[in-house]
């Protein structure tokens, strides 16, 4: 598969989940994939947390933001889409396995033996 074909496949898969996603350029000339509102999909958790009203103090917000990893933007368009694809796959794997191996399920399994 050529790099162009890989890119088309990655982009197609991402567009199914994020219709209207586009490639954007930051002030340093690096690329990222943004949703239809222009928000960086890879780092959207930071924006969601910052807009949240669940923090009473600025220190609580800062602490929460410091726990969220910032994914750097990419030097190429291909890499930007590739990073997002990998992140989405990783989130899916973690979610599926977290549900499968939740504390409650592990305890229940151990109680049966």
Protein backbone atom coordinates (compact mmCIF):
# COMPACT_ATOMS: atom_id res chain seq x y z
CA UNK A 1 0.00 0.00 0.00
CA UNK A 2 1.43 3.39 -0.95
CA UNK A 3 1.71 6.23 1.52
CA UNK A 4 -1.08 8.06 -0.32
CA UNK A 5 -3.36 5.03 -0.02
CA UNK A 6 -2.49 4.71 3.68
CA UNK A 7 -3.32 8.37 4.20
CA UNK A 8 -6.67 8.05 2.39
CA UNK A 9 -7.59 5.01 4.50
CA UNK A 10 -6.63 6.72 7.77
CA UNK A 11 -8.46 9.91 6.83
CA UNK A 12 -11.57 7.99 5.75
CA UNK A 13 -11.71 6.10 9.07
CA UNK A 14 -11.31 9.29 11.10
CA UNK A 15 -13.92 11.16 9.05
CA UNK A 16 -16.44 8.44 9.94
CA UNK A 17 -16.01 9.32 13.60
CA UNK A 18 -15.40 13.06 13.12
CA UNK A 19 -17.26 14.27 10.02
CA UNK A 20 -15.90 17.61 8.91
CA UNK A 21 -12.45 17.05 10.41
CA UNK A 22 -9.73 19.01 8.65
CA UNK A 23 -6.00 19.54 8.75
CA UNK A 24 -4.95 22.76 10.49
CA UNK A 25 -1.60 24.50 10.91
CA UNK A 26 -0.44 26.01 14.21
CA UNK A 27 1.67 29.14 14.66
CA UNK A 28 4.87 27.06 14.47
CA UNK A 29 3.98 25.52 11.12
CA UNK A 30 3.08 22.11 12.56
CA UNK A 31 -0.08 20.22 11.62
CA UNK A 32 -2.99 18.83 13.60
CA UNK A 33 -6.45 17.47 12.87
CA UNK A 34 -9.33 19.64 14.05
CA UNK A 35 -13.02 18.87 14.34
CA UNK A 36 -15.61 20.88 12.45
CA UNK A 37 -15.48 23.56 15.18
CA UNK A 38 -11.71 23.95 14.73
CA UNK A 39 -10.80 22.23 18.01
CA UNK A 40 -7.68 20.05 18.05
CA UNK A 41 -9.14 16.53 18.41
CA UNK A 42 -6.03 15.03 20.01
CA UNK A 43 -5.90 17.70 22.70
CA UNK A 44 -9.64 18.30 23.08
CA UNK A 45 -9.65 16.90 26.62
CA UNK A 46 -7.68 19.97 27.72
CA UNK A 47 -10.32 22.31 26.30
CA UNK A 48 -13.16 20.27 27.79
CA UNK A 49 -11.52 20.34 31.21
CA UNK A 50 -10.79 24.06 31.02
CA UNK A 51 -14.43 24.83 30.15
CA UNK A 52 -15.72 22.56 32.91
CA UNK A 53 -17.47 24.17 35.86
CA UNK A 54 -16.60 21.34 38.26
CA UNK A 55 -13.65 23.20 39.79
CA UNK A 56 -14.15 25.60 42.69
CA UNK A 57 -10.59 26.85 42.81
CA UNK A 58 -8.04 27.74 40.16
CA UNK A 59 -5.58 25.35 41.83
CA UNK A 60 -7.98 22.42 41.28
CA UNK A 61 -8.25 23.29 37.59
CA UNK A 62 -4.47 23.62 37.26
CA UNK A 63 -4.00 20.25 38.96
CA UNK A 64 -6.48 18.59 36.60
CA UNK A 65 -4.90 20.19 33.53
CA UNK A 66 -1.43 19.09 34.62
CA UNK A 67 -2.60 15.46 34.60
CA UNK A 68 -3.64 15.62 30.94
CA UNK A 69 -0.83 14.86 28.50
CA UNK A 70 -0.39 17.36 25.68
CA UNK A 71 0.20 15.71 22.33
CA UNK A 72 2.55 17.82 20.21
CA UNK A 73 1.51 18.75 16.70
CA UNK A 74 3.19 17.05 13.75
CA UNK A 75 5.70 18.20 11.15
CA UNK A 76 3.69 16.55 8.34
CA UNK A 77 0.01 16.25 7.44
CA UNK A 78 0.34 12.46 7.18
CA UNK A 79 1.81 12.21 10.68
CA UNK A 80 -0.96 14.39 12.13
CA UNK A 81 -3.67 12.05 10.83
CA UNK A 82 -1.60 8.98 11.75
CA UNK A 83 -1.16 10.19 15.34
CA UNK A 84 -4.89 10.76 15.69
CA UNK A 85 -5.66 7.30 14.32
CA UNK A 86 -3.25 5.71 16.79
CA UNK A 87 -4.69 7.72 19.69
CA UNK A 88 -8.24 6.70 18.81
CA UNK A 89 -7.24 3.03 18.60
CA UNK A 90 -5.43 3.30 21.94
CA UNK A 91 -8.44 4.89 23.63
CA UNK A 92 -10.66 2.11 22.27
CA UNK A 93 -8.31 -0.63 23.51
CA UNK A 94 -8.07 0.95 26.96
CA UNK A 95 -11.83 1.40 27.19
CA UNK A 96 -12.63 -2.15 26.13
CA UNK A 97 -10.06 -3.68 28.46
CA UNK A 98 -10.96 -1.39 31.35
CA UNK A 99 -14.55 -2.62 31.13
CA UNK A 100 -13.44 -6.21 30.77
CA UNK A 101 -11.02 -6.05 33.68
CA UNK A 102 -12.89 -3.68 35.98
CA UNK A 103 -12.28 -4.13 39.71
CA UNK A 104 -15.82 -5.42 40.19
CA UNK A 105 -15.48 -8.09 37.50
CA UNK A 106 -12.07 -9.21 38.76
CA UNK A 107 -13.38 -9.49 42.33
CA UNK A 108 -16.44 -11.39 41.14
CA UNK A 109 -14.27 -13.82 39.16
CA UNK A 110 -12.00 -14.36 42.15
CA UNK A 111 -14.96 -15.00 44.46
CA UNK A 112 -16.10 -17.84 42.22
CA UNK A 113 -12.86 -19.77 42.71
